[in-house]
Amino acid sequence: MMGTTSGGERRAESQTALEEAIRAAGIPSPSIWAGISADERAYRKRVLDDIARRVAEEGIHTAIPGDDRGRQFMPFAALKGYNDIVRDSQEPTR
């Protein structure tokens, strides 16, 4: 049969994709944390593996720069009294 792949081939491709995602995103190995328990090391490995899987599936996500990030809140400036509330929250309490 042409065009079919076995389960072993799919697992190997998946593992290769995860390894590439780990390198591309700079995901650390759980072995960098010395002195943690085996349970904690296993937990961190699961978390890092999940991150690597998401990077492999969705690509690397980058944070929005701070100046651009604030623009998402601009519609709130139209609210009556918004500027007063922001100013009051920034003033030190006495």
N, C-alpha and C. Protein backbone atom coordinates (compact mmCIF):
# COMPACT_ATOMS: atom_id res chain seq x y z
N MET A 1 0.82 -1.17 0.00
CA MET A 1 0.00 0.00 0.00
C MET A 1 0.87 1.24 0.00
N MET A 2 0.63 2.13 -0.92
CA MET A 2 1.39 3.36 -0.98
C MET A 2 0.71 4.44 -0.14
N GLY A 3 1.52 5.29 0.46
CA GLY A 3 0.98 6.44 1.17
C GLY A 3 0.55 6.13 2.59
N THR A 4 0.70 4.92 3.06
CA THR A 4 0.34 4.63 4.44
C THR A 4 1.61 4.59 5.28
N THR A 5 1.45 4.96 6.53
CA THR A 5 2.58 4.91 7.45
C THR A 5 2.19 4.06 8.64
N SER A 6 3.15 3.39 9.18
CA SER A 6 2.89 2.54 10.34
C SER A 6 2.88 3.39 11.60
N GLY A 7 2.39 2.79 12.67
CA GLY A 7 2.37 3.49 13.95
C GLY A 7 3.75 3.87 14.40
N GLY A 8 4.73 3.00 14.15
CA GLY A 8 6.11 3.30 14.53
C GLY A 8 6.67 4.49 13.78
N GLU A 9 6.34 4.58 12.49
CA GLU A 9 6.82 5.72 11.70
C GLU A 9 6.18 7.02 12.18
N ARG A 10 4.89 6.96 12.51
CA ARG A 10 4.21 8.17 13.01
C ARG A 10 4.80 8.60 14.34
N ARG A 11 5.10 7.63 15.22
CA ARG A 11 5.71 7.98 16.51
C ARG A 11 7.08 8.61 16.31
N ALA A 12 7.86 8.08 15.39
CA ALA A 12 9.19 8.63 15.11
C ALA A 12 9.08 10.04 14.55
N GLU A 13 8.12 10.27 13.66
CA GLU A 13 7.91 11.62 13.10
C GLU A 13 7.48 12.58 14.20
N SER A 14 6.59 12.10 15.07
CA SER A 14 6.11 12.93 16.17
C SER A 14 7.26 13.27 17.12
N GLN A 15 8.10 12.29 17.43
CA GLN A 15 9.24 12.52 18.32
C GLN A 15 10.21 13.51 17.70
N THR A 16 10.45 13.39 16.40
CA THR A 16 11.33 14.33 15.69
C THR A 16 10.75 15.74 15.75
N ALA A 17 9.44 15.86 15.54
CA ALA A 17 8.80 17.18 15.60
C ALA A 17 8.93 17.78 17.00
N LEU A 18 8.77 16.94 18.03
CA LEU A 18 8.92 17.44 19.40
C LEU A 18 10.35 17.89 19.67
N GLU A 19 11.31 17.11 19.21
CA GLU A 19 12.71 17.49 19.42
C GLU A 19 13.04 18.80 18.71
N GLU A 20 12.51 18.99 17.52
CA GLU A 20 12.72 20.25 16.80
C GLU A 20 12.05 21.41 17.54
N ALA A 21 10.86 21.18 18.07
CA ALA A 21 10.15 22.23 18.81
C ALA A 21 10.93 22.60 20.07
N ILE A 22 11.47 21.61 20.76
CA ILE A 22 12.26 21.86 21.97
C ILE A 22 13.46 22.73 21.64
N ARG A 23 14.15 22.41 20.55
CA ARG A 23 15.32 23.22 20.14
C ARG A 23 14.89 24.62 19.72
N ALA A 24 13.84 24.71 18.90
CA ALA A 24 13.42 26.01 18.37
C ALA A 24 12.95 26.95 19.48
N ALA A 25 12.24 26.42 20.46
CA ALA A 25 11.69 27.27 21.52
C ALA A 25 12.64 27.42 22.70
N GLY A 26 13.73 26.67 22.70
CA GLY A 26 14.69 26.76 23.80
C GLY A 26 14.14 26.19 25.10
N ILE A 27 13.33 25.14 25.00
CA ILE A 27 12.73 24.52 26.18
C ILE A 27 13.81 23.74 26.92
N PRO A 28 13.98 24.00 28.22
CA PRO A 28 15.05 23.32 28.96
C PRO A 28 14.70 21.87 29.25
N SER A 29 15.71 21.13 29.62
CA SER A 29 15.53 19.75 30.05
C SER A 29 15.27 19.75 31.55
N PRO A 30 14.44 18.85 32.06
CA PRO A 30 14.21 18.81 33.51
C PRO A 30 15.48 18.54 34.30
N SER A 31 16.51 18.05 33.67
CA SER A 31 17.76 17.74 34.37
C SER A 31 18.51 19.00 34.82
N ILE A 32 18.09 20.19 34.39
CA ILE A 32 18.79 21.41 34.80
C ILE A 32 18.51 21.78 36.25
N TRP A 33 17.43 21.22 36.81
CA TRP A 33 17.09 21.52 38.20
C TRP A 33 17.69 20.45 39.10
N ALA A 34 18.71 20.83 39.84
CA ALA A 34 19.35 19.88 40.76
C ALA A 34 18.61 19.91 42.09
N GLY A 35 18.60 18.79 42.75
CA GLY A 35 18.06 18.74 44.11
C GLY A 35 16.55 18.71 44.21
N ILE A 36 15.83 18.40 43.15
CA ILE A 36 14.37 18.29 43.26
C ILE A 36 13.99 16.82 43.34
N SER A 37 12.84 16.56 43.91
CA SER A 37 12.41 15.18 44.09
C SER A 37 12.06 14.54 42.74
N ALA A 38 12.00 13.22 42.74
CA ALA A 38 11.64 12.50 41.52
C ALA A 38 10.24 12.87 41.06
N ASP A 39 9.32 13.06 42.01
CA ASP A 39 7.95 13.45 41.65
C ASP A 39 7.93 14.83 40.99
N GLU A 40 8.68 15.76 41.56
CA GLU A 40 8.73 17.11 41.00
C GLU A 40 9.38 17.10 39.63
N ARG A 41 10.44 16.29 39.47
CA ARG A 41 11.11 16.18 38.18
C ARG A 41 10.16 15.61 37.13
N ALA A 42 9.36 14.58 37.51
CA ALA A 42 8.39 13.98 36.59
C ALA A 42 7.31 14.99 36.22
N TYR A 43 6.85 15.78 37.21
CA TYR A 43 5.84 16.80 36.93
C TYR A 43 6.38 17.84 35.95
N ARG A 44 7.58 18.33 36.19
CA ARG A 44 8.17 19.33 35.31
C ARG A 44 8.40 18.78 33.91
N LYS A 45 8.76 17.50 33.82
CA LYS A 45 8.93 16.87 32.51
C LYS A 45 7.61 16.84 31.76
N ARG A 46 6.51 16.51 32.45
CA ARG A 46 5.19 16.51 31.80
C ARG A 46 4.82 17.90 31.30
N VAL A 47 5.08 18.91 32.12
CA VAL A 47 4.76 20.29 31.73
C VAL A 47 5.59 20.70 30.51
N LEU A 48 6.88 20.43 30.54
CA LEU A 48 7.75 20.79 29.43
C LEU A 48 7.39 20.01 28.16
N ASP A 49 7.02 18.74 28.32
CA ASP A 49 6.59 17.95 27.16
C ASP A 49 5.31 18.52 26.55
N ASP A 50 4.39 18.99 27.42
CA ASP A 50 3.16 19.59 26.92
C ASP A 50 3.46 20.88 26.16
N ILE A 51 4.36 21.68 26.68
CA ILE A 51 4.76 22.92 25.99
C ILE A 51 5.37 22.57 24.63
N ALA A 52 6.26 21.58 24.60
CA ALA A 52 6.90 21.17 23.35
C ALA A 52 5.87 20.68 22.35
N ARG A 53 4.87 19.92 22.82
CA ARG A 53 3.81 19.43 21.93
C ARG A 53 3.04 20.59 21.32
N ARG A 54 2.70 21.59 22.17
CA ARG A 54 1.96 22.74 21.64
C ARG A 54 2.79 23.56 20.66
N VAL A 55 4.08 23.69 20.93
CA VAL A 55 4.97 24.41 20.00
C VAL A 55 5.04 23.66 18.68
N ALA A 56 5.14 22.33 18.74
CA ALA A 56 5.21 21.52 17.52
C ALA A 56 3.93 21.65 16.70
N GLU A 57 2.78 21.73 17.38
CA GLU A 57 1.50 21.81 16.68
C GLU A 57 1.17 23.22 16.19
N GLU A 58 1.46 24.22 17.03
CA GLU A 58 0.99 25.58 16.75
C GLU A 58 2.10 26.56 16.38
N GLY A 59 3.34 26.17 16.59
CA GLY A 59 4.45 27.09 16.34
C GLY A 59 4.77 27.89 17.59
N ILE A 60 5.84 28.66 17.50
CA ILE A 60 6.29 29.47 18.64
C ILE A 60 5.45 30.74 18.70
N HIS A 61 4.96 31.04 19.90
CA HIS A 61 4.21 32.27 20.13
C HIS A 61 5.13 33.26 20.81
N THR A 62 5.08 34.50 20.39
CA THR A 62 5.90 35.52 21.02
C THR A 62 5.01 36.52 21.74
N ALA A 63 5.54 37.11 22.77
CA ALA A 63 4.79 38.11 23.53
C ALA A 63 4.65 39.39 22.71
N ILE A 64 3.54 40.06 22.90
CA ILE A 64 3.31 41.33 22.25
C ILE A 64 4.11 42.39 23.01
N PRO A 65 4.83 43.27 22.32
CA PRO A 65 5.58 44.32 23.01
C PRO A 65 4.65 45.15 23.90
N GLY A 66 5.18 45.65 25.00
CA GLY A 66 4.38 46.38 25.99
C GLY A 66 3.57 47.53 25.41
N ASP A 67 4.18 48.33 24.52
CA ASP A 67 3.45 49.46 23.95
C ASP A 67 2.24 49.00 23.15
N ASP A 68 2.40 47.94 22.37
CA ASP A 68 1.29 47.43 21.56
C ASP A 68 0.26 46.74 22.44
N ARG A 69 0.72 46.10 23.49
CA ARG A 69 -0.18 45.36 24.36
C ARG A 69 -1.20 46.27 25.03
N GLY A 70 -0.78 47.46 25.40
CA GLY A 70 -1.69 48.39 26.05
C GLY A 70 -2.83 48.85 25.16
N ARG A 71 -2.64 48.78 23.86
CA ARG A 71 -3.67 49.25 22.93
C ARG A 71 -4.96 48.43 23.02
N GLN A 72 -4.86 47.19 23.48
CA GLN A 72 -6.05 46.38 23.57
C GLN A 72 -7.03 46.92 24.62
N PHE A 73 -6.54 47.79 25.51
CA PHE A 73 -7.41 48.34 26.54
C PHE A 73 -7.96 49.72 26.18
N MET A 74 -7.60 50.24 25.03
CA MET A 74 -8.04 51.57 24.63
C MET A 74 -9.56 51.73 24.61
N PRO A 75 -10.35 50.74 24.24
CA PRO A 75 -11.80 50.95 24.25
C PRO A 75 -12.34 51.34 25.63
N PHE A 76 -11.63 50.96 26.70
CA PHE A 76 -12.09 51.31 28.03
C PHE A 76 -11.97 52.81 28.30
N ALA A 77 -11.15 53.51 27.53
CA ALA A 77 -11.00 54.95 27.71
C ALA A 77 -12.30 55.68 27.40
N ALA A 78 -13.19 55.05 26.65
CA ALA A 78 -14.46 55.67 26.31
C ALA A 78 -15.45 55.62 27.48
N LEU A 79 -15.14 54.85 28.49
CA LEU A 79 -16.03 54.73 29.64
C LEU A 79 -15.98 56.00 30.48
N LYS A 80 -17.14 56.45 30.89
CA LYS A 80 -17.21 57.67 31.69
C LYS A 80 -16.53 57.44 33.04
N GLY A 81 -15.63 58.32 33.39
CA GLY A 81 -14.92 58.25 34.65
C GLY A 81 -13.71 57.33 34.64
N TYR A 82 -13.41 56.73 33.51
CA TYR A 82 -12.28 55.79 33.43
C TYR A 82 -10.97 56.47 33.81
N ASN A 83 -10.71 57.63 33.23
CA ASN A 83 -9.44 58.32 33.51
C ASN A 83 -9.31 58.68 34.99
N ASP A 84 -10.43 59.05 35.64
CA ASP A 84 -10.39 59.35 37.08
C ASP A 84 -10.03 58.12 37.89
N ILE A 85 -10.61 56.99 37.54
CA ILE A 85 -10.33 55.74 38.26
C ILE A 85 -8.87 55.35 38.09
N VAL A 86 -8.36 55.46 36.87
CA VAL A 86 -6.96 55.12 36.63
C VAL A 86 -6.05 56.05 37.41
N ARG A 87 -6.34 57.33 37.38
CA ARG A 87 -5.52 58.30 38.11
C ARG A 87 -5.56 58.02 39.61
N ASP A 88 -6.75 57.74 40.16
CA ASP A 88 -6.88 57.45 41.58
C ASP A 88 -6.13 56.18 41.97
N SER A 89 -6.14 55.18 41.09
CA SER A 89 -5.46 53.91 41.41
C SER A 89 -3.95 54.07 41.36
N GLN A 90 -3.45 55.07 40.67
CA GLN A 90 -2.01 55.28 40.56
C GLN A 90 -1.46 56.19 41.63
N GLU A 91 -2.33 56.92 42.30
CA GLU A 91 -1.89 57.82 43.38
C GLU A 91 -1.58 56.99 44.62
N PRO A 92 -0.51 57.33 45.31
CA PRO A 92 -0.20 56.59 46.55
C PRO A 92 -1.27 56.82 47.60
N THR A 93 -1.59 55.79 48.36
CA THR A 93 -2.58 55.93 49.42
C THR A 93 -1.92 56.62 50.61
N ARG A 94 -2.73 57.34 51.35
CA ARG A 94 -2.18 58.09 52.50
C ARG A 94 -2.55 57.44 53.79
